Each structure stands twice: as C-alpha cells, then as structure tokens.
Amino acid sequence: MSYHPHFKPPIAGASSDDVEGAQPESQPSMLGRYLESLALVERMHRLLLDVIKDEFERLGILDINAVQALLLFNIGENEVTAGELKTRGYYQGSNVSYNLKKLVESGYMHHQRCEIDRRSVRVRLTQQGRDVRDVVANLFVRHAETLASKEVFSLEEMENNNMALRRLERFWSEQIRYIY
C-alpha cells in the first residue's frame, strides 16, 4: 500500500512506513483506503481530461482544451453566470474567468451583462459551442455503451459507485462548511 507523496503522518516523528506498518496488510486501515480513494479520484479526473483531449485531437479540433470542452458539456442548454458555474457543480477549477473569456473569444459562447445586476455576466453556448458539447456527449454515449457491452460494470455496480462518491462529496462539503 502506498501513500500520496505529500502525505504527512499524523503522529509526530512517525514516517509513512510507521503508519503503514501499524496495520497488517490483511486489515487495511481507513486512512490507507481513504488516501487510495483520493489518489484514484484525482487520477480519474486527469484521465477523463486526457480521454477528451485525445478525442478532440483525433477529430482535428485543436483550438479548445479538454477543460473548456467539459465546461461546454456541463453548461449544455443553460444560461448561467460565472458564479453559478461553481455553485451548480459545472466547473471546479480556479480559472473559470480565463476559460470563459477564451470560450467567448473563440466563438463557443455568447455573453451579455445581466439586466438586473450589471456586474454579472450571463453566458450560453453558441452553435459552435453546442457542436463541441455534442462531441463530448457522443464520446460519453460510446463509453457507456462499451462499459455495458463489455460488462465492465453492471448498472448496479455503477450506481453503487455513484452512491459512494455522492456520500464522499457530501462529507467534503460538510467539512468546508465547518471551517466557516
């Protein structure tokens, strides 16, 4: 079992080997499983971006990156503000303004000042943006069909994974709320 390279053991003076060695391999610790889950979530997100990037390269779409394409997919037919992108869970990065600006400049999104609050800008996809959204949607449809046809996951296993990830998401959200 390995730990994330930035992991600092909670016990003063202990090494990660000491913490790891405290539990027999037949009885993995919650800490070990939690750190493994953290690493998997991070790797899965990066792999998703790589899969999207590869699809766009295969299709010769080189003026948009995977983060921007995923953002367009998540926005879909909605009209939202930059702030709503985060609160609705469409975008988790810290550079949302940069990506929105690039998408507007490249013609993938329309933007206009909000009538009610002139400081706020609302964005929605252009036809070019909807075309990108469709490329990502078709990629995800192919993946879902392949997962089912090759029996990588059953529908029940996928739902169990989703339930576990939603519980972890709720836990993290609660931890953020307790800070303030």
Protein backbone atom coordinates (compact mmCIF):
# COMPACT_ATOMS: atom_id res chain seq x y z
CA MET A 1 0.00 0.00 0.00
CA SER A 2 1.43 3.38 -0.90
CA TYR A 3 0.55 6.86 0.28
CA HIS A 4 0.33 10.12 -1.55
CA PRO A 5 3.83 11.67 -1.75
CA HIS A 6 2.70 14.79 0.14
CA PHE A 7 1.16 12.81 3.00
CA LYS A 8 2.48 13.76 6.42
CA PRO A 9 1.76 11.14 9.08
CA PRO A 10 -0.42 12.46 11.90
CA ILE A 11 1.91 11.10 14.57
CA ALA A 12 4.84 13.43 15.35
CA GLY A 13 8.12 11.78 14.38
CA ALA A 14 6.42 8.90 12.55
CA SER A 15 7.20 8.08 8.94
CA SER A 16 4.64 6.91 6.44
CA ASP A 17 6.24 3.45 6.81
CA ASP A 18 5.47 3.55 10.55
CA VAL A 19 1.85 4.46 9.87
CA GLU A 20 1.58 1.90 7.11
CA GLY A 21 3.24 -0.76 9.24
CA ALA A 22 0.77 -0.20 12.09
CA GLN A 23 -1.91 -2.20 10.25
CA PRO A 24 -1.37 -5.73 8.94
CA GLU A 25 -1.75 -5.89 5.15
CA SER A 26 -4.76 -8.20 5.62
CA GLN A 27 -6.51 -5.39 7.56
CA PRO A 28 -6.04 -2.17 5.60
CA SER A 29 -6.62 0.97 7.59
CA MET A 30 -9.31 3.51 6.86
CA LEU A 31 -6.52 6.03 6.31
CA GLY A 32 -4.92 3.81 3.69
CA ARG A 33 -8.20 3.26 1.86
CA TYR A 34 -9.06 6.97 2.09
CA LEU A 35 -5.69 8.01 0.63
CA GLU A 36 -6.10 5.44 -2.12
CA SER A 37 -9.55 6.88 -2.91
CA LEU A 38 -8.15 10.42 -3.02
CA ALA A 39 -5.45 9.37 -5.46
CA LEU A 40 -7.97 7.48 -7.61
CA VAL A 41 -10.38 10.44 -7.78
CA GLU A 42 -7.55 12.75 -8.84
CA ARG A 43 -6.21 10.28 -11.43
CA MET A 44 -9.69 9.60 -12.80
CA HIS A 45 -10.31 13.31 -13.37
CA ARG A 46 -6.97 13.70 -15.14
CA LEU A 47 -7.65 10.61 -17.25
CA LEU A 48 -11.09 11.96 -18.21
CA LEU A 49 -9.43 15.14 -19.44
CA ASP A 50 -6.88 13.05 -21.39
CA VAL A 51 -9.66 10.99 -22.99
CA ILE A 52 -11.47 14.17 -24.08
CA LYS A 53 -8.20 15.69 -25.34
CA ASP A 54 -7.45 12.55 -27.39
CA GLU A 55 -10.94 12.59 -28.92
CA PHE A 56 -10.54 16.24 -29.94
CA GLU A 57 -7.09 15.58 -31.41
CA ARG A 58 -8.49 12.60 -33.34
CA LEU A 59 -11.20 14.87 -34.77
CA GLY A 60 -8.74 17.69 -35.51
CA ILE A 61 -10.35 20.11 -33.03
CA LEU A 62 -7.28 21.83 -31.64
CA ASP A 63 -8.49 25.30 -30.61
CA ILE A 64 -10.15 24.16 -27.40
CA ASN A 65 -8.77 22.24 -24.44
CA ALA A 66 -10.39 19.39 -22.53
CA VAL A 67 -11.31 21.54 -19.51
CA GLN A 68 -13.10 24.00 -21.78
CA ALA A 69 -14.86 21.20 -23.69
CA LEU A 70 -16.08 19.64 -20.43
CA LEU A 71 -17.27 23.07 -19.29
CA LEU A 72 -19.31 23.43 -22.51
CA PHE A 73 -20.75 19.94 -22.00
CA ASN A 74 -21.77 20.75 -18.43
CA ILE A 75 -23.39 24.07 -19.33
CA GLY A 76 -25.44 22.45 -22.07
CA GLU A 77 -28.53 24.50 -22.90
CA ASN A 78 -28.40 26.53 -19.68
CA GLU A 79 -27.66 30.23 -19.45
CA VAL A 80 -25.54 30.87 -16.36
CA THR A 81 -23.27 33.34 -14.62
CA ALA A 82 -19.66 32.57 -13.81
CA GLY A 83 -20.60 32.22 -10.15
CA GLU A 84 -23.32 29.70 -10.95
CA LEU A 85 -20.83 27.52 -12.79
CA LYS A 86 -19.22 26.64 -9.46
CA THR A 87 -22.37 26.52 -7.33
CA ARG A 88 -24.10 24.21 -9.81
CA GLY A 89 -21.02 21.98 -9.95
CA TYR A 90 -20.31 22.63 -13.65
CA TYR A 91 -16.77 23.80 -13.01
CA GLN A 92 -14.34 23.11 -10.17
CA GLY A 93 -11.22 24.94 -11.31
CA SER A 94 -9.92 28.27 -10.06
CA ASN A 95 -9.51 29.82 -13.51
CA VAL A 96 -13.14 29.94 -14.60
CA SER A 97 -12.88 33.58 -15.78
CA TYR A 98 -9.92 32.75 -18.01
CA ASN A 99 -11.70 29.80 -19.62
CA LEU A 100 -14.92 31.74 -20.12
CA LYS A 101 -13.01 34.59 -21.74
CA LYS A 102 -11.24 32.16 -24.09
CA LEU A 103 -14.52 30.41 -24.99
CA VAL A 104 -16.19 33.76 -25.77
CA GLU A 105 -13.19 34.95 -27.82
CA SER A 106 -13.15 31.65 -29.76
CA GLY A 107 -16.86 31.87 -30.54
CA TYR A 108 -18.02 28.94 -28.40
CA MET A 109 -20.07 31.10 -26.02
CA HIS A 110 -22.20 34.25 -26.06
CA HIS A 111 -22.01 36.60 -23.11
CA GLN A 112 -24.08 39.55 -22.05
CA ARG A 113 -24.42 41.73 -18.98
CA CYS A 114 -27.24 40.75 -16.68
CA GLU A 115 -30.16 43.20 -16.83
CA ILE A 116 -30.70 43.10 -13.07
CA ASP A 117 -27.08 43.15 -11.84
CA ARG A 118 -24.84 44.93 -14.37
CA ARG A 119 -21.72 43.50 -12.65
CA SER A 120 -22.81 40.00 -13.57
CA VAL A 121 -22.32 38.42 -17.00
CA ARG A 122 -24.51 35.60 -18.27
CA VAL A 123 -23.12 33.06 -20.72
CA ARG A 124 -24.66 30.49 -23.05
CA LEU A 125 -23.36 28.29 -25.84
CA THR A 126 -23.23 29.37 -29.46
CA GLN A 127 -23.91 26.82 -32.20
CA GLN A 128 -20.17 26.17 -32.29
CA GLY A 129 -20.28 25.53 -28.53
CA ARG A 130 -23.25 23.19 -28.91
CA ASP A 131 -21.30 21.26 -31.57
CA VAL A 132 -18.45 20.76 -29.08
CA ARG A 133 -20.94 19.75 -26.40
CA ASP A 134 -22.32 17.15 -28.83
CA VAL A 135 -18.83 15.73 -29.49
CA VAL A 136 -18.33 15.21 -25.75
CA ALA A 137 -21.87 13.81 -25.33
CA ASN A 138 -21.30 11.32 -28.15
CA LEU A 139 -17.99 10.27 -26.58
CA PHE A 140 -19.76 9.62 -23.27
CA VAL A 141 -22.56 7.66 -25.01
CA ARG A 142 -19.94 5.43 -26.68
CA HIS A 143 -18.22 4.91 -23.33
CA ALA A 144 -21.47 3.98 -21.58
CA GLU A 145 -22.38 1.54 -24.34
CA THR A 146 -18.91 -0.05 -24.22
CA LEU A 147 -18.97 -0.32 -20.41
CA ALA A 148 -22.31 -2.13 -20.68
CA SER A 149 -21.49 -4.35 -23.67
CA LYS A 150 -18.13 -5.46 -22.26
CA GLU A 151 -19.68 -5.87 -18.80
CA VAL A 152 -17.00 -3.69 -17.21
CA PHE A 153 -19.68 -2.60 -14.72
CA SER A 154 -23.22 -3.71 -14.14
CA LEU A 155 -25.83 -1.00 -13.77
CA GLU A 156 -25.99 -1.86 -10.05
CA GLU A 157 -22.20 -1.58 -9.63
CA MET A 158 -22.18 1.79 -11.37
CA GLU A 159 -25.00 3.03 -9.13
CA ASN A 160 -23.13 1.77 -6.03
CA ASN A 161 -20.03 3.67 -7.18
CA ASN A 162 -22.11 6.81 -7.70
CA MET A 163 -23.74 6.49 -4.28
CA ALA A 164 -20.33 6.12 -2.61
CA LEU A 165 -18.96 9.14 -4.47
CA ARG A 166 -22.03 11.23 -3.54
CA ARG A 167 -21.50 10.32 0.13
CA LEU A 168 -17.86 11.38 -0.12
CA GLU A 169 -18.93 14.61 -1.85
CA ARG A 170 -21.40 15.34 0.97
CA PHE A 171 -18.72 14.61 3.57
CA TRP A 172 -16.26 17.02 1.91
CA SER A 173 -18.97 19.68 1.53
CA GLU A 174 -19.76 19.40 5.23
CA GLN A 175 -16.07 19.75 6.09
CA ILE A 176 -15.89 23.01 4.14
CA ARG A 177 -18.98 24.33 5.92
CA TYR A 178 -17.48 23.56 9.33
CA ILE A 179 -14.46 25.74 8.57
CA TYR A 180 -16.56 28.92 8.45
